[in-house]
Amino acid sequence: MILCNLALEIEPLLSTECLSRTFENCIHEVMEVFLRPELGGLVVENVLENGELSDCFEGRHMNPGHSLEAMWFIMDLGKRLDRPELIMKAKDTALKMVNYGWDKEYGGLFYFMDMKGYPPQELEWDQKLWWVHIETLIAMLKGYQMTGDRGCWEWFEKIHDYTWSHFKDKEYPEWFGYLNRRGEVLLPLKGGKWKGCFHVPRGLYQCWQILESI
């Protein structure tokens, strides 16, 4: 996931052969190994060395945020390679993942899930995190920008409303990072080992650029 985005960023430094090989390897792994048709087109985090699913905690582990972030990277690759069918597949997968990961009782996207609906191993599974939502905003906007699918726009508005009404500190201009399942602030800290000055500025910049273009 990260490698395909990195390759696009440092493209001028790579040979044509290395770039092409990297693109194809990334697309294959994300869209043919970790994307599983037998799960209705959802994306898993771990597979066995032979590519099969494993019925254990790690094998059933799902991360909607990672999957949605990966899909907008793949859309960018599809645009770079002029492969509209790849863009459509990534867009469709993003819509499946956002619908799968949405908490239909309290709103927001779950942090971790179990593909069979069993209790996840991670105790923080039901928290709502800042980066998951900002990456989803990018994915939905890119899906709408590149395909015109109104479903992406509707999800963008839904995630946008949740994000700005729950994560933003109303007193100071920054976002809280960690909410409980009900959308209440779980930790008041706005920075730490994982929450730095990356996802929010990067995400808002991306959204701004896309919205300007459409």
C-alpha atoms as a PDB file:
ATOM      1  CA  MET A   1       0.000   0.000   0.000  1.00  0.00           C
ATOM      2  CA  ILE A   2       2.659   2.485   1.059  1.00  0.00           C
ATOM      3  CA  LEU A   3       5.072   1.304  -1.612  1.00  0.00           C
ATOM      4  CA  CYS A   4       2.771   2.197  -4.494  1.00  0.00           C
ATOM      5  CA  ASN A   5       2.292   5.711  -3.086  1.00  0.00           C
ATOM      6  CA  LEU A   6       6.028   6.091  -2.457  1.00  0.00           C
ATOM      7  CA  ALA A   7       6.822   5.014  -6.012  1.00  0.00           C
ATOM      8  CA  LEU A   8       4.592   7.771  -7.370  1.00  0.00           C
ATOM      9  CA  GLU A   9       6.238  10.353  -5.111  1.00  0.00           C
ATOM     10  CA  ILE A  10       9.827   9.466  -6.106  1.00  0.00           C
ATOM     11  CA  GLU A  11       9.060   8.553  -9.719  1.00  0.00           C
ATOM     12  CA  PRO A  12      11.787  10.830 -11.184  1.00  0.00           C
ATOM     13  CA  LEU A  13      14.433   8.950  -9.189  1.00  0.00           C
ATOM     14  CA  LEU A  14      13.512   5.486 -10.455  1.00  0.00           C
ATOM     15  CA  SER A  15      14.258   3.730 -13.704  1.00  0.00           C
ATOM     16  CA  THR A  16      11.334   2.986 -16.008  1.00  0.00           C
ATOM     17  CA  GLU A  17      11.822  -0.745 -15.466  1.00  0.00           C
ATOM     18  CA  CYS A  18      11.928  -0.448 -11.664  1.00  0.00           C
ATOM     19  CA  LEU A  19       8.890   1.821 -11.642  1.00  0.00           C
ATOM     20  CA  SER A  20       6.842  -0.467 -13.873  1.00  0.00           C
ATOM     21  CA  ARG A  21       7.774  -3.547 -11.845  1.00  0.00           C
ATOM     22  CA  THR A  22       6.918  -1.817  -8.578  1.00  0.00           C
ATOM     23  CA  PHE A  23       3.550  -0.626  -9.877  1.00  0.00           C
ATOM     24  CA  GLU A  24       2.547  -4.062 -11.123  1.00  0.00           C
ATOM     25  CA  ASN A  25       3.689  -5.829  -7.930  1.00  0.00           C
ATOM     26  CA  CYS A  26       1.742  -3.391  -5.767  1.00  0.00           C
ATOM     27  CA  ILE A  27      -1.407  -3.669  -7.861  1.00  0.00           C
ATOM     28  CA  HIS A  28      -1.203  -7.456  -7.853  1.00  0.00           C
ATOM     29  CA  GLU A  29      -0.721  -7.766  -4.103  1.00  0.00           C
ATOM     30  CA  VAL A  30      -3.402  -5.270  -3.095  1.00  0.00           C
ATOM     31  CA  MET A  31      -6.041  -6.075  -5.715  1.00  0.00           C
ATOM     32  CA  GLU A  32      -5.497  -9.811  -6.254  1.00  0.00           C
ATOM     33  CA  VAL A  33      -3.972 -11.172  -3.045  1.00  0.00           C
ATOM     34  CA  PHE A  34      -5.464  -9.137  -0.198  1.00  0.00           C
ATOM     35  CA  LEU A  35      -8.723  -8.218  -1.939  1.00  0.00           C
ATOM     36  CA  ARG A  36     -10.884 -11.333  -1.564  1.00  0.00           C
ATOM     37  CA  PRO A  37     -13.797 -12.109  -3.908  1.00  0.00           C
ATOM     38  CA  GLU A  38     -14.971 -14.846  -1.523  1.00  0.00           C
ATOM     39  CA  LEU A  39     -15.545 -12.109   1.092  1.00  0.00           C
ATOM     40  CA  GLY A  40     -17.657 -10.039  -1.259  1.00  0.00           C
ATOM     41  CA  GLY A  41     -14.723  -7.937  -2.429  1.00  0.00           C
ATOM     42  CA  LEU A  42     -13.431  -6.886   0.995  1.00  0.00           C
ATOM     43  CA  VAL A  43      -9.740  -6.419   1.787  1.00  0.00           C
ATOM     44  CA  VAL A  44      -7.936  -8.420   4.483  1.00  0.00           C
ATOM     45  CA  GLU A  45      -4.757  -7.554   6.362  1.00  0.00           C
ATOM     46  CA  ASN A  46      -3.029 -10.940   6.457  1.00  0.00           C
ATOM     47  CA  VAL A  47      -2.878 -14.071   4.295  1.00  0.00           C
ATOM     48  CA  LEU A  48      -0.823 -17.236   4.494  1.00  0.00           C
ATOM     49  CA  GLU A  49       2.362 -17.538   2.446  1.00  0.00           C
ATOM     50  CA  ASN A  50       0.441 -19.489  -0.197  1.00  0.00           C
ATOM     51  CA  GLY A  51      -2.144 -16.708  -0.430  1.00  0.00           C
ATOM     52  CA  GLU A  52      -4.915 -18.543   1.414  1.00  0.00           C
ATOM     53  CA  LEU A  53      -6.943 -17.125   4.299  1.00  0.00           C
ATOM     54  CA  SER A  54      -6.271 -18.311   7.834  1.00  0.00           C
ATOM     55  CA  ASP A  55      -9.047 -18.783  10.400  1.00  0.00           C
ATOM     56  CA  CYS A  56      -7.199 -17.202  13.330  1.00  0.00           C
ATOM     57  CA  PHE A  57      -7.100 -13.755  14.944  1.00  0.00           C
ATOM     58  CA  GLU A  58      -4.536 -12.416  12.453  1.00  0.00           C
ATOM     59  CA  GLY A  59      -6.182 -14.100   9.481  1.00  0.00           C
ATOM     60  CA  ARG A  60      -9.624 -12.676  10.281  1.00  0.00           C
ATOM     61  CA  HIS A  61      -8.254  -9.228  11.135  1.00  0.00           C
ATOM     62  CA  MET A  62      -9.800  -6.383   9.120  1.00  0.00           C
ATOM     63  CA  ASN A  63      -8.734  -2.727   9.098  1.00  0.00           C
ATOM     64  CA  PRO A  64     -11.198  -0.535   7.160  1.00  0.00           C
ATOM     65  CA  GLY A  65      -8.905   2.496   7.392  1.00  0.00           C
ATOM     66  CA  HIS A  66      -5.950   0.732   5.807  1.00  0.00           C
ATOM     67  CA  SER A  67      -8.130  -0.663   3.043  1.00  0.00           C
ATOM     68  CA  LEU A  68      -9.677   2.698   2.208  1.00  0.00           C
ATOM     69  CA  GLU A  69      -6.295   4.418   2.202  1.00  0.00           C
ATOM     70  CA  ALA A  70      -4.971   1.699  -0.096  1.00  0.00           C
ATOM     71  CA  MET A  71      -7.844   2.217  -2.517  1.00  0.00           C
ATOM     72  CA  TRP A  72      -7.105   5.884  -3.119  1.00  0.00           C
ATOM     73  CA  PHE A  73      -3.463   4.998  -3.702  1.00  0.00           C
ATOM     74  CA  ILE A  74      -4.620   2.438  -6.265  1.00  0.00           C
ATOM     75  CA  MET A  75      -6.912   5.014  -7.895  1.00  0.00           C
ATOM     76  CA  ASP A  76      -3.906   7.306  -8.291  1.00  0.00           C
ATOM     77  CA  LEU A  77      -1.999   4.445  -9.895  1.00  0.00           C
ATOM     78  CA  GLY A  78      -4.924   3.761 -12.209  1.00  0.00           C
ATOM     79  CA  LYS A  79      -4.886   7.398 -13.282  1.00  0.00           C
ATOM     80  CA  ARG A  80      -1.106   7.391 -13.755  1.00  0.00           C
ATOM     81  CA  LEU A  81      -1.262   4.202 -15.858  1.00  0.00           C
ATOM     82  CA  ASP A  82      -4.445   5.217 -17.728  1.00  0.00           C
ATOM     83  CA  ARG A  83      -6.304   2.126 -16.543  1.00  0.00           C
ATOM     84  CA  PRO A  84      -9.929   3.144 -15.956  1.00  0.00           C
ATOM     85  CA  GLU A  85     -10.913  -0.445 -15.097  1.00  0.00           C
ATOM     86  CA  LEU A  86      -8.445  -0.366 -12.174  1.00  0.00           C
ATOM     87  CA  ILE A  87      -9.889   2.928 -10.954  1.00  0.00           C
ATOM     88  CA  MET A  88     -13.413   1.491 -11.084  1.00  0.00           C
ATOM     89  CA  LYS A  89     -12.385  -1.627  -9.187  1.00  0.00           C
ATOM     90  CA  ALA A  90     -10.673   0.438  -6.493  1.00  0.00           C
ATOM     91  CA  LYS A  91     -13.678   2.737  -6.249  1.00  0.00           C
ATOM     92  CA  ASP A  92     -16.084  -0.172  -5.919  1.00  0.00           C
ATOM     93  CA  THR A  93     -13.870  -1.756  -3.264  1.00  0.00           C
ATOM     94  CA  ALA A  94     -13.699   1.515  -1.335  1.00  0.00           C
ATOM     95  CA  LEU A  95     -17.495   1.720  -1.290  1.00  0.00           C
ATOM     96  CA  LYS A  96     -17.723  -1.859  -0.017  1.00  0.00           C
ATOM     97  CA  MET A  97     -15.155  -1.195   2.718  1.00  0.00           C
ATOM     98  CA  VAL A  98     -16.751   2.040   3.938  1.00  0.00           C
ATOM     99  CA  ASN A  99     -20.159   0.372   4.110  1.00  0.00           C
ATOM    100  CA  TYR A 100     -18.622  -2.619   5.915  1.00  0.00           C
ATOM    101  CA  GLY A 101     -16.647  -0.521   8.390  1.00  0.00           C
ATOM    102  CA  TRP A 102     -19.381   1.998   9.266  1.00  0.00           C
ATOM    103  CA  ASP A 103     -20.796   1.662  12.775  1.00  0.00           C
ATOM    104  CA  LYS A 104     -24.508   1.555  12.032  1.00  0.00           C
ATOM    105  CA  GLU A 105     -25.448   2.151  15.673  1.00  0.00           C
ATOM    106  CA  TYR A 106     -23.236   5.087  16.674  1.00  0.00           C
ATOM    107  CA  GLY A 107     -21.730   6.292  13.415  1.00  0.00           C
ATOM    108  CA  GLY A 108     -18.087   6.535  12.481  1.00  0.00           C
ATOM    109  CA  LEU A 109     -15.760   3.851  11.204  1.00  0.00           C
ATOM    110  CA  PHE A 110     -14.512   1.010  13.392  1.00  0.00           C
ATOM    111  CA  TYR A 111     -10.764   0.756  13.932  1.00  0.00           C
ATOM    112  CA  PHE A 112     -10.512  -3.038  13.685  1.00  0.00           C
ATOM    113  CA  MET A 113     -13.011  -5.744  12.746  1.00  0.00           C
ATOM    114  CA  ASP A 114     -13.164  -9.529  12.523  1.00  0.00           C
ATOM    115  CA  MET A 115     -14.224 -10.917   9.154  1.00  0.00           C
ATOM    116  CA  LYS A 116     -16.487 -13.491  10.828  1.00  0.00           C
ATOM    117  CA  GLY A 117     -17.892 -11.058  13.370  1.00  0.00           C
ATOM    118  CA  TYR A 118     -16.039 -12.643  16.295  1.00  0.00           C
ATOM    119  CA  PRO A 119     -14.651 -10.462  19.103  1.00  0.00           C
ATOM    120  CA  PRO A 120     -11.422  -8.916  17.762  1.00  0.00           C
ATOM    121  CA  GLN A 121      -8.186  -9.532  19.614  1.00  0.00           C
ATOM    122  CA  GLU A 122      -7.383  -5.806  19.861  1.00  0.00           C
ATOM    123  CA  LEU A 123      -9.114  -4.158  22.813  1.00  0.00           C
ATOM    124  CA  GLU A 124      -9.280  -0.830  20.954  1.00  0.00           C
ATOM    125  CA  TRP A 125     -11.235  -2.364  18.065  1.00  0.00           C
ATOM    126  CA  ASP A 126     -14.331  -0.190  18.467  1.00  0.00           C
ATOM    127  CA  GLN A 127     -12.574   3.156  18.843  1.00  0.00           C
ATOM    128  CA  LYS A 128     -12.994   5.860  16.215  1.00  0.00           C
ATOM    129  CA  LEU A 129      -9.630   7.264  15.055  1.00  0.00           C
ATOM    130  CA  TRP A 130      -8.754  10.487  13.272  1.00  0.00           C
ATOM    131  CA  TRP A 131      -6.621   8.982  10.490  1.00  0.00           C
ATOM    132  CA  VAL A 132      -9.212   6.398   9.478  1.00  0.00           C
ATOM    133  CA  HIS A 133     -11.760   9.109   8.806  1.00  0.00           C
ATOM    134  CA  ILE A 134      -9.479  11.576   7.014  1.00  0.00           C
ATOM    135  CA  GLU A 135      -8.188   8.821   4.701  1.00  0.00           C
ATOM    136  CA  THR A 136     -11.772   7.800   3.973  1.00  0.00           C
ATOM    137  CA  LEU A 137     -12.637  11.381   3.025  1.00  0.00           C
ATOM    138  CA  ILE A 138      -9.810  11.315   0.470  1.00  0.00           C
ATOM    139  CA  ALA A 139     -10.883   7.921  -0.900  1.00  0.00           C
ATOM    140  CA  MET A 140     -14.497   8.974  -1.344  1.00  0.00           C
ATOM    141  CA  LEU A 141     -13.582  12.256  -3.012  1.00  0.00           C
ATOM    142  CA  LYS A 142     -11.142  10.611  -5.396  1.00  0.00           C
ATOM    143  CA  GLY A 143     -13.729   7.984  -6.242  1.00  0.00           C
ATOM    144  CA  TYR A 144     -16.231  10.714  -7.089  1.00  0.00           C
ATOM    145  CA  GLN A 145     -13.674  12.799  -8.959  1.00  0.00           C
ATOM    146  CA  MET A 146     -12.463   9.931 -11.150  1.00  0.00           C
ATOM    147  CA  THR A 147     -15.719   8.040 -11.764  1.00  0.00           C
ATOM    148  CA  GLY A 148     -18.582  10.407 -10.999  1.00  0.00           C
ATOM    149  CA  ASP A 149     -20.207   7.817  -8.724  1.00  0.00           C
ATOM    150  CA  ARG A 150     -22.733   9.680  -6.564  1.00  0.00           C
ATOM    151  CA  GLY A 151     -22.412   7.005  -3.900  1.00  0.00           C
ATOM    152  CA  CYS A 152     -18.886   8.255  -3.223  1.00  0.00           C
ATOM    153  CA  TRP A 153     -20.136  11.822  -2.828  1.00  0.00           C
ATOM    154  CA  GLU A 154     -22.901  10.750  -0.461  1.00  0.00           C
ATOM    155  CA  TRP A 155     -20.395   8.845   1.685  1.00  0.00           C
ATOM    156  CA  PHE A 156     -18.032  11.820   1.597  1.00  0.00           C
ATOM    157  CA  GLU A 157     -20.748  14.056   3.023  1.00  0.00           C
ATOM    158  CA  LYS A 158     -21.649  11.470   5.664  1.00  0.00           C
ATOM    159  CA  ILE A 159     -18.031  10.985   6.783  1.00  0.00           C
ATOM    160  CA  HIS A 160     -17.390  14.725   6.570  1.00  0.00           C
ATOM    161  CA  ASP A 161     -20.305  15.513   8.879  1.00  0.00           C
ATOM    162  CA  TYR A 162     -19.227  12.891  11.409  1.00  0.00           C
ATOM    163  CA  THR A 163     -15.570  13.913  11.304  1.00  0.00           C
ATOM    164  CA  TRP A 164     -16.026  17.647  11.790  1.00  0.00           C
ATOM    165  CA  SER A 165     -18.675  17.239  14.468  1.00  0.00           C
ATOM    166  CA  HIS A 166     -16.688  14.732  16.547  1.00  0.00           C
ATOM    167  CA  PHE A 167     -12.926  15.085  16.081  1.00  0.00           C
ATOM    168  CA  LYS A 168     -12.505  18.856  15.905  1.00  0.00           C
ATOM    169  CA  ASP A 169     -11.783  20.615  19.187  1.00  0.00           C
ATOM    170  CA  LYS A 170     -14.310  23.445  19.318  1.00  0.00           C
ATOM    171  CA  GLU A 171     -11.992  25.607  21.434  1.00  0.00           C
ATOM    172  CA  TYR A 172      -8.628  25.064  19.738  1.00  0.00           C
ATOM    173  CA  PRO A 173      -7.974  24.488  16.010  1.00  0.00           C
ATOM    174  CA  GLU A 174      -6.829  20.878  16.121  1.00  0.00           C
ATOM    175  CA  TRP A 175      -8.395  17.424  16.126  1.00  0.00           C
ATOM    176  CA  PHE A 176      -8.662  14.936  18.908  1.00  0.00           C
ATOM    177  CA  GLY A 177      -7.288  11.598  17.792  1.00  0.00           C
ATOM    178  CA  TYR A 178      -9.160   8.965  19.750  1.00  0.00           C
ATOM    179  CA  LEU A 179     -12.895   8.677  20.358  1.00  0.00           C
ATOM    180  CA  ASN A 180     -14.813   5.861  22.007  1.00  0.00           C
ATOM    181  CA  ARG A 181     -17.437   3.955  20.087  1.00  0.00           C
ATOM    182  CA  ARG A 182     -20.136   6.505  20.943  1.00  0.00           C
ATOM    183  CA  GLY A 183     -18.021   9.274  19.431  1.00  0.00           C
ATOM    184  CA  GLU A 184     -16.990  10.820  22.743  1.00  0.00           C
ATOM    185  CA  VAL A 185     -13.407  11.999  23.272  1.00  0.00           C
ATOM    186  CA  LEU A 186     -11.510   9.096  24.802  1.00  0.00           C
ATOM    187  CA  LEU A 187      -8.076  10.746  25.054  1.00  0.00           C
ATOM    188  CA  PRO A 188      -7.723  14.549  25.111  1.00  0.00           C
ATOM    189  CA  LEU A 189      -4.189  14.468  23.714  1.00  0.00           C
ATOM    190  CA  LYS A 190      -3.769  15.862  20.214  1.00  0.00           C
ATOM    191  CA  GLY A 191      -0.300  14.528  19.526  1.00  0.00           C
ATOM    192  CA  GLY A 192       1.723  11.463  20.353  1.00  0.00           C
ATOM    193  CA  LYS A 193       3.740   8.623  18.891  1.00  0.00           C
ATOM    194  CA  TRP A 194       1.172   7.948  16.156  1.00  0.00           C
ATOM    195  CA  LYS A 195      -0.754  11.217  15.834  1.00  0.00           C
ATOM    196  CA  GLY A 196       1.645  13.754  14.408  1.00  0.00           C
ATOM    197  CA  CYS A 197       1.345  16.569  11.879  1.00  0.00           C
ATOM    198  CA  PHE A 198       0.728  14.234   8.954  1.00  0.00           C
ATOM    199  CA  HIS A 199      -2.710  12.738   8.341  1.00  0.00           C
ATOM    200  CA  VAL A 200      -4.849  15.793   9.046  1.00  0.00           C
ATOM    201  CA  PRO A 201      -2.854  18.406   7.040  1.00  0.00           C
ATOM    202  CA  ARG A 202      -2.145  15.907   4.236  1.00  0.00           C
ATOM    203  CA  GLY A 203      -5.774  14.841   4.124  1.00  0.00           C
ATOM    204  CA  LEU A 204      -7.250  18.332   4.207  1.00  0.00           C
ATOM    205  CA  TYR A 205      -4.833  19.460   1.515  1.00  0.00           C
ATOM    206  CA  GLN A 206      -5.814  16.521  -0.675  1.00  0.00           C
ATOM    207  CA  CYS A 207      -9.525  17.178  -0.161  1.00  0.00           C
ATOM    208  CA  TRP A 208      -9.085  20.876  -0.895  1.00  0.00           C
ATOM    209  CA  GLN A 209      -7.221  20.153  -4.132  1.00  0.00           C
ATOM    210  CA  ILE A 210      -9.831  17.642  -5.292  1.00  0.00           C
ATOM    211  CA  LEU A 211     -12.758  19.899  -4.435  1.00  0.00           C
ATOM    212  CA  GLU A 212     -11.083  22.777  -6.304  1.00  0.00           C
ATOM    213  CA  SER A 213     -10.834  20.559  -9.387  1.00  0.00           C
ATOM    214  CA  ILE A 214     -14.471  19.484  -9.347  1.00  0.00           C
END
